[in-house]
Structures are given as C-alpha cells and as structure tokens.
Amino acid sequence: MGIRRQKVVNVQLDTVSPHLIISLESGRVLFVNGYDPNYECWQLGDPFGEVDWLLVAIPGGDIAIWCPSEFK
C-alpha cells in the first residue's frame, strides 16, 4: 500500500535539526530531511488560506517563520 491519500495523524519537528516527521494513519512515517549547510530543505505553508503562514527549514539547521502581523 502506498502513502497517497492517507490521513496525516501527527506532524513534528526533530529536536536536533528541523527534520519534518509526518505520521500517517497506516503507521507509516514520512521523514523529510531538515538539514543542509547551503540550501533550504523544505517549506510548509498554506497559500490558499485566509492568512499567509510560511515555515522554512533554512540552511544550517534552523527554522524561519513568516506569520500574519496580527499574530502574537
């Protein structure tokens, strides 16, 4: 069974580097590398939502966050 169209049950970031760990309903786990010294590994956002959010795993193992100005 592939992972296409399976429900996501949990999403987390690793504590050492911003590896993205996505757990699926079937018990499978999708691991997305979050560290590269020179490149952005992944970005996550909602371009179709009412507010613009963007999380990016930036070079060197950190996370950059863009959020609405009214967010505290």
PDB file of N, CA and C in Angstrom:
ATOM      1  N   MET A   1       0.837  -1.180   0.000  1.00  0.00           N
ATOM      2  CA  MET A   1       0.000   0.000   0.000  1.00  0.00           C
ATOM      3  C   MET A   1       0.883   1.246   0.000  1.00  0.00           C
ATOM      4  N   GLY A   2       0.595   2.170  -0.891  1.00  0.00           N
ATOM      5  CA  GLY A   2       1.343   3.418  -0.955  1.00  0.00           C
ATOM      6  C   GLY A   2       0.843   4.406   0.087  1.00  0.00           C
ATOM      7  N   ILE A   3       1.470   5.555   0.114  1.00  0.00           N
ATOM      8  CA  ILE A   3       1.078   6.553   1.099  1.00  0.00           C
ATOM      9  C   ILE A   3       0.125   7.610   0.541  1.00  0.00           C
ATOM     10  N   ARG A   4      -0.144   7.544  -0.742  1.00  0.00           N
ATOM     11  CA  ARG A   4      -1.014   8.533  -1.363  1.00  0.00           C
ATOM     12  C   ARG A   4      -2.407   8.521  -0.735  1.00  0.00           C
ATOM     13  N   ARG A   5      -2.888   9.699  -0.381  1.00  0.00           N
ATOM     14  CA  ARG A   5      -4.225   9.940   0.165  1.00  0.00           C
ATOM     15  C   ARG A   5      -4.445   9.356   1.549  1.00  0.00           C
ATOM     16  N   GLN A   6      -3.365   8.972   2.241  1.00  0.00           N
ATOM     17  CA  GLN A   6      -3.512   8.532   3.619  1.00  0.00           C
ATOM     18  C   GLN A   6      -3.630   9.750   4.531  1.00  0.00           C
ATOM     19  N   LYS A   7      -4.380   9.594   5.599  1.00  0.00           N
ATOM     20  CA  LYS A   7      -4.567  10.687   6.540  1.00  0.00           C
ATOM     21  C   LYS A   7      -3.321  10.892   7.389  1.00  0.00           C
ATOM     22  N   VAL A   8      -2.993  12.165   7.608  1.00  0.00           N
ATOM     23  CA  VAL A   8      -1.898  12.536   8.495  1.00  0.00           C
ATOM     24  C   VAL A   8      -2.447  12.554   9.916  1.00  0.00           C
ATOM     25  N   VAL A   9      -1.770  11.856  10.836  1.00  0.00           N
ATOM     26  CA  VAL A   9      -2.232  11.811  12.225  1.00  0.00           C
ATOM     27  C   VAL A   9      -1.340  12.608  13.163  1.00  0.00           C
ATOM     28  N   ASN A  10      -0.114  12.917  12.727  1.00  0.00           N
ATOM     29  CA  ASN A  10       0.794  13.697  13.567  1.00  0.00           C
ATOM     30  C   ASN A  10       1.902  14.297  12.707  1.00  0.00           C
ATOM     31  N   VAL A  11       2.296  15.515  13.046  1.00  0.00           N
ATOM     32  CA  VAL A  11       3.425  16.171  12.391  1.00  0.00           C
ATOM     33  C   VAL A  11       4.306  16.732  13.490  1.00  0.00           C
ATOM     34  N   GLN A  12       5.606  16.491  13.396  1.00  0.00           N
ATOM     35  CA  GLN A  12       6.513  17.028  14.403  1.00  0.00           C
ATOM     36  C   GLN A  12       7.846  17.396  13.787  1.00  0.00           C
ATOM     37  N   LEU A  13       8.573  18.244  14.494  1.00  0.00           N
ATOM     38  CA  LEU A  13       9.933  18.603  14.115  1.00  0.00           C
ATOM     39  C   LEU A  13      10.888  17.889  15.041  1.00  0.00           C
ATOM     40  N   ASP A  14      11.989  17.403  14.498  1.00  0.00           N
ATOM     41  CA  ASP A  14      13.015  16.791  15.318  1.00  0.00           C
ATOM     42  C   ASP A  14      13.611  17.855  16.232  1.00  0.00           C
ATOM     43  N   THR A  15      14.186  17.455  17.337  1.00  0.00           N
ATOM     44  CA  THR A  15      14.729  18.414  18.295  1.00  0.00           C
ATOM     45  C   THR A  15      16.152  18.856  17.983  1.00  0.00           C
ATOM     46  N   VAL A  16      16.875  18.102  17.174  1.00  0.00           N
ATOM     47  CA  VAL A  16      18.262  18.450  16.861  1.00  0.00           C
ATOM     48  C   VAL A  16      18.345  19.320  15.601  1.00  0.00           C
ATOM     49  N   SER A  17      17.733  18.893  14.543  1.00  0.00           N
ATOM     50  CA  SER A  17      17.628  19.637  13.287  1.00  0.00           C
ATOM     51  C   SER A  17      16.160  19.671  12.910  1.00  0.00           C
ATOM     52  N   PRO A  18      15.749  20.607  12.050  1.00  0.00           N
ATOM     53  CA  PRO A  18      14.325  20.682  11.716  1.00  0.00           C
ATOM     54  C   PRO A  18      13.879  19.621  10.705  1.00  0.00           C
ATOM     55  N   HIS A  19      14.191  18.357  11.030  1.00  0.00           N
ATOM     56  CA  HIS A  19      13.671  17.266  10.212  1.00  0.00           C
ATOM     57  C   HIS A  19      12.164  17.229  10.417  1.00  0.00           C
ATOM     58  N   LEU A  20      11.413  17.077   9.354  1.00  0.00           N
ATOM     59  CA  LEU A  20       9.965  17.027   9.411  1.00  0.00           C
ATOM     60  C   LEU A  20       9.534  15.563   9.445  1.00  0.00           C
ATOM     61  N   ILE A  21       8.785  15.185  10.472  1.00  0.00           N
ATOM     62  CA  ILE A  21       8.365  13.803  10.661  1.00  0.00           C
ATOM     63  C   ILE A  21       6.839  13.760  10.600  1.00  0.00           C
ATOM     64  N   ILE A  22       6.313  13.102   9.577  1.00  0.00           N
ATOM     65  CA  ILE A  22       4.874  13.066   9.339  1.00  0.00           C
ATOM     66  C   ILE A  22       4.398  11.628   9.522  1.00  0.00           C
ATOM     67  N   SER A  23       3.532  11.419  10.517  1.00  0.00           N
ATOM     68  CA  SER A  23       2.984  10.085  10.792  1.00  0.00           C
ATOM     69  C   SER A  23       1.638   9.940  10.101  1.00  0.00           C
ATOM     70  N   LEU A  24       1.460   8.812   9.439  1.00  0.00           N
ATOM     71  CA  LEU A  24       0.235   8.547   8.688  1.00  0.00           C
ATOM     72  C   LEU A  24      -0.644   7.536   9.423  1.00  0.00           C
ATOM     73  N   GLU A  25      -1.913   7.521   9.070  1.00  0.00           N
ATOM     74  CA  GLU A  25      -2.890   6.652   9.709  1.00  0.00           C
ATOM     75  C   GLU A  25      -2.495   5.175   9.633  1.00  0.00           C
ATOM     76  N   SER A  26      -1.805   4.770   8.587  1.00  0.00           N
ATOM     77  CA  SER A  26      -1.406   3.371   8.409  1.00  0.00           C
ATOM     78  C   SER A  26      -0.258   2.961   9.321  1.00  0.00           C
ATOM     79  N   GLY A  27       0.351   3.939   9.999  1.00  0.00           N
ATOM     80  CA  GLY A  27       1.516   3.645  10.831  1.00  0.00           C
ATOM     81  C   GLY A  27       2.824   3.972  10.127  1.00  0.00           C
ATOM     82  N   ARG A  28       2.762   4.242   8.846  1.00  0.00           N
ATOM     83  CA  ARG A  28       3.961   4.631   8.113  1.00  0.00           C
ATOM     84  C   ARG A  28       4.373   6.041   8.511  1.00  0.00           C
ATOM     85  N   VAL A  29       5.657   6.330   8.320  1.00  0.00           N
ATOM     86  CA  VAL A  29       6.204   7.635   8.666  1.00  0.00           C
ATOM     87  C   VAL A  29       6.939   8.190   7.462  1.00  0.00           C
ATOM     88  N   LEU A  30       6.658   9.442   7.158  1.00  0.00           N
ATOM     89  CA  LEU A  30       7.355  10.144   6.091  1.00  0.00           C
ATOM     90  C   LEU A  30       8.375  11.069   6.756  1.00  0.00           C
ATOM     91  N   PHE A  31       9.650  10.858   6.477  1.00  0.00           N
ATOM     92  CA  PHE A  31      10.735  11.640   7.062  1.00  0.00           C
ATOM     93  C   PHE A  31      11.293  12.564   5.990  1.00  0.00           C
ATOM     94  N   VAL A  32      11.309  13.877   6.272  1.00  0.00           N
ATOM     95  CA  VAL A  32      11.855  14.862   5.345  1.00  0.00           C
ATOM     96  C   VAL A  32      13.076  15.485   5.987  1.00  0.00           C
ATOM     97  N   ASN A  33      14.227  15.327   5.340  1.00  0.00           N
ATOM     98  CA  ASN A  33      15.474  15.882   5.867  1.00  0.00           C
ATOM     99  C   ASN A  33      15.329  17.378   6.111  1.00  0.00           C
ATOM    100  N   GLY A  34      15.797  17.843   7.245  1.00  0.00           N
ATOM    101  CA  GLY A  34      15.696  19.256   7.579  1.00  0.00           C
ATOM    102  C   GLY A  34      17.032  19.951   7.704  1.00  0.00           C
ATOM    103  N   TYR A  35      18.124  19.283   7.355  1.00  0.00           N
ATOM    104  CA  TYR A  35      19.429  19.934   7.494  1.00  0.00           C
ATOM    105  C   TYR A  35      20.220  19.880   6.207  1.00  0.00           C
ATOM    106  N   ASP A  36      20.702  21.027   5.800  1.00  0.00           N
ATOM    107  CA  ASP A  36      21.693  21.166   4.740  1.00  0.00           C
ATOM    108  C   ASP A  36      22.440  22.458   5.037  1.00  0.00           C
ATOM    109  N   PRO A  37      23.764  22.460   4.907  1.00  0.00           N
ATOM    110  CA  PRO A  37      24.505  23.678   5.234  1.00  0.00           C
ATOM    111  C   PRO A  37      24.303  24.814   4.227  1.00  0.00           C
ATOM    112  N   ASN A  38      23.802  24.501   3.025  1.00  0.00           N
ATOM    113  CA  ASN A  38      23.717  25.525   1.982  1.00  0.00           C
ATOM    114  C   ASN A  38      22.320  25.804   1.423  1.00  0.00           C
ATOM    115  N   TYR A  39      21.383  24.908   1.624  1.00  0.00           N
ATOM    116  CA  TYR A  39      20.092  25.029   0.948  1.00  0.00           C
ATOM    117  C   TYR A  39      18.920  24.876   1.910  1.00  0.00           C
ATOM    118  N   GLU A  40      17.777  25.438   1.506  1.00  0.00           N
ATOM    119  CA  GLU A  40      16.528  25.219   2.233  1.00  0.00           C
ATOM    120  C   GLU A  40      16.050  23.807   1.915  1.00  0.00           C
ATOM    121  N   CYS A  41      15.783  23.020   2.928  1.00  0.00           N
ATOM    122  CA  CYS A  41      15.383  21.623   2.713  1.00  0.00           C
ATOM    123  C   CYS A  41      13.913  21.475   2.396  1.00  0.00           C
ATOM    124  N   TRP A  42      13.077  22.259   3.052  1.00  0.00           N
ATOM    125  CA  TRP A  42      11.639  22.168   2.816  1.00  0.00           C
ATOM    126  C   TRP A  42      10.988  23.469   3.246  1.00  0.00           C
ATOM    127  N   GLN A  43       9.774  23.658   2.743  1.00  0.00           N
ATOM    128  CA  GLN A  43       8.948  24.772   3.210  1.00  0.00           C
ATOM    129  C   GLN A  43       7.518  24.289   3.324  1.00  0.00           C
ATOM    130  N   LEU A  44       6.798  24.882   4.256  1.00  0.00           N
ATOM    131  CA  LEU A  44       5.435  24.464   4.538  1.00  0.00           C
ATOM    132  C   LEU A  44       4.591  25.712   4.703  1.00  0.00           C
ATOM    133  N   GLY A  45       3.516  25.793   3.961  1.00  0.00           N
ATOM    134  CA  GLY A  45       2.649  26.959   4.055  1.00  0.00           C
ATOM    135  C   GLY A  45       1.259  26.640   3.566  1.00  0.00           C
ATOM    136  N   ASP A  46       0.410  27.637   3.619  1.00  0.00           N
ATOM    137  CA  ASP A  46      -0.968  27.497   3.173  1.00  0.00           C
ATOM    138  C   ASP A  46      -1.299  28.646   2.240  1.00  0.00           C
ATOM    139  N   PRO A  47      -0.974  28.520   0.954  1.00  0.00           N
ATOM    140  CA  PRO A  47      -1.213  29.626   0.027  1.00  0.00           C
ATOM    141  C   PRO A  47      -2.688  29.857  -0.270  1.00  0.00           C
ATOM    142  N   PHE A  48      -3.546  28.916   0.091  1.00  0.00           N
ATOM    143  CA  PHE A  48      -4.970  29.039  -0.199  1.00  0.00           C
ATOM    144  C   PHE A  48      -5.786  29.473   1.011  1.00  0.00           C
ATOM    145  N   GLY A  49      -5.136  29.628   2.162  1.00  0.00           N
ATOM    146  CA  GLY A  49      -5.840  30.025   3.367  1.00  0.00           C
ATOM    147  C   GLY A  49      -6.103  31.519   3.399  1.00  0.00           C
ATOM    148  N   GLU A  50      -6.820  31.941   4.420  1.00  0.00           N
ATOM    149  CA  GLU A  50      -7.146  33.356   4.564  1.00  0.00           C
ATOM    150  C   GLU A  50      -5.962  34.179   5.051  1.00  0.00           C
ATOM    151  N   VAL A  51      -5.035  33.553   5.748  1.00  0.00           N
ATOM    152  CA  VAL A  51      -3.833  34.251   6.230  1.00  0.00           C
ATOM    153  C   VAL A  51      -2.609  33.524   5.704  1.00  0.00           C
ATOM    154  N   ASP A  52      -1.544  34.263   5.499  1.00  0.00           N
ATOM    155  CA  ASP A  52      -0.311  33.680   4.964  1.00  0.00           C
ATOM    156  C   ASP A  52       0.626  33.248   6.086  1.00  0.00           C
ATOM    157  N   TRP A  53       0.883  31.971   6.141  1.00  0.00           N
ATOM    158  CA  TRP A  53       1.856  31.382   7.044  1.00  0.00           C
ATOM    159  C   TRP A  53       2.905  30.682   6.194  1.00  0.00           C
ATOM    160  N   LEU A  54       4.155  30.733   6.624  1.00  0.00           N
ATOM    161  CA  LEU A  54       5.206  30.011   5.921  1.00  0.00           C
ATOM    162  C   LEU A  54       6.274  29.605   6.928  1.00  0.00           C
ATOM    163  N   LEU A  55       6.624  28.329   6.941  1.00  0.00           N
ATOM    164  CA  LEU A  55       7.723  27.801   7.733  1.00  0.00           C
ATOM    165  C   LEU A  55       8.737  27.247   6.751  1.00  0.00           C
ATOM    166  N   VAL A  56      10.011  27.557   6.978  1.00  0.00           N
ATOM    167  CA  VAL A  56      11.070  27.116   6.075  1.00  0.00           C
ATOM    168  C   VAL A  56      12.235  26.563   6.893  1.00  0.00           C
ATOM    169  N   ALA A  57      12.706  25.374   6.510  1.00  0.00           N
ATOM    170  CA  ALA A  57      13.928  24.823   7.093  1.00  0.00           C
ATOM    171  C   ALA A  57      15.092  25.487   6.356  1.00  0.00           C
ATOM    172  N   ILE A  58      15.719  26.456   7.013  1.00  0.00           N
ATOM    173  CA  ILE A  58      16.750  27.262   6.355  1.00  0.00           C
ATOM    174  C   ILE A  58      18.122  26.609   6.487  1.00  0.00           C
ATOM    175  N   PRO A  59      19.079  27.027   5.646  1.00  0.00           N
ATOM    176  CA  PRO A  59      20.427  26.456   5.706  1.00  0.00           C
ATOM    177  C   PRO A  59      21.019  26.552   7.117  1.00  0.00           C
ATOM    178  N   GLY A  60      21.679  25.482   7.524  1.00  0.00           N
ATOM    179  CA  GLY A  60      22.332  25.458   8.822  1.00  0.00           C
ATOM    180  C   GLY A  60      21.509  24.850   9.930  1.00  0.00           C
ATOM    181  N   GLY A  61      20.286  24.425   9.646  1.00  0.00           N
ATOM    182  CA  GLY A  61      19.519  23.692  10.645  1.00  0.00           C
ATOM    183  C   GLY A  61      18.606  24.519  11.522  1.00  0.00           C
ATOM    184  N   ASP A  62      18.070  25.600  11.001  1.00  0.00           N
ATOM    185  CA  ASP A  62      17.143  26.418  11.782  1.00  0.00           C
ATOM    186  C   ASP A  62      15.838  26.557  11.014  1.00  0.00           C
ATOM    187  N   ILE A  63      14.848  27.170  11.646  1.00  0.00           N
ATOM    188  CA  ILE A  63      13.533  27.383  11.048  1.00  0.00           C
ATOM    189  C   ILE A  63      13.280  28.880  10.946  1.00  0.00           C
ATOM    190  N   ALA A  64      12.785  29.324   9.803  1.00  0.00           N
ATOM    191  CA  ALA A  64      12.320  30.703   9.638  1.00  0.00           C
ATOM    192  C   ALA A  64      10.797  30.646   9.543  1.00  0.00           C
ATOM    193  N   ILE A  65      10.134  31.615  10.193  1.00  0.00           N
ATOM    194  CA  ILE A  65       8.676  31.645  10.229  1.00  0.00           C
ATOM    195  C   ILE A  65       8.185  33.006   9.782  1.00  0.00           C
ATOM    196  N   TRP A  66       7.246  32.983   8.823  1.00  0.00           N
ATOM    197  CA  TRP A  66       6.535  34.195   8.425  1.00  0.00           C
ATOM    198  C   TRP A  66       5.091  33.980   8.829  1.00  0.00           C
ATOM    199  N   CYS A  67       4.539  34.955   9.537  1.00  0.00           N
ATOM    200  CA  CYS A  67       3.166  34.821  10.007  1.00  0.00           C
ATOM    201  C   CYS A  67       2.478  36.188   9.871  1.00  0.00           C
ATOM    202  N   PRO A  68       1.162  36.208   9.994  1.00  0.00           N
ATOM    203  CA  PRO A  68       0.437  37.470   9.893  1.00  0.00           C
ATOM    204  C   PRO A  68       0.910  38.449  10.964  1.00  0.00           C
ATOM    205  N   SER A  69       0.937  39.727  10.626  1.00  0.00           N
ATOM    206  CA  SER A  69       1.441  40.741  11.558  1.00  0.00           C
ATOM    207  C   SER A  69       0.603  40.807  12.835  1.00  0.00           C
ATOM    208  N   GLU A  70      -0.676  40.443  12.764  1.00  0.00           N
ATOM    209  CA  GLU A  70      -1.517  40.487  13.956  1.00  0.00           C
ATOM    210  C   GLU A  70      -1.320  39.295  14.892  1.00  0.00           C
ATOM    211  N   PHE A  71      -0.547  38.276  14.476  1.00  0.00           N
ATOM    212  CA  PHE A  71      -0.289  37.127  15.311  1.00  0.00           C
ATOM    213  C   PHE A  71       0.684  37.494  16.429  1.00  0.00           C
ATOM    214  N   LYS A  72       0.361  37.156  17.639  1.00  0.00           N
ATOM    215  CA  LYS A  72       1.208  37.485  18.797  1.00  0.00           C
ATOM    216  C   LYS A  72       1.987  36.273  19.230  1.00  0.00           C
TER     217      LYS A  72
END
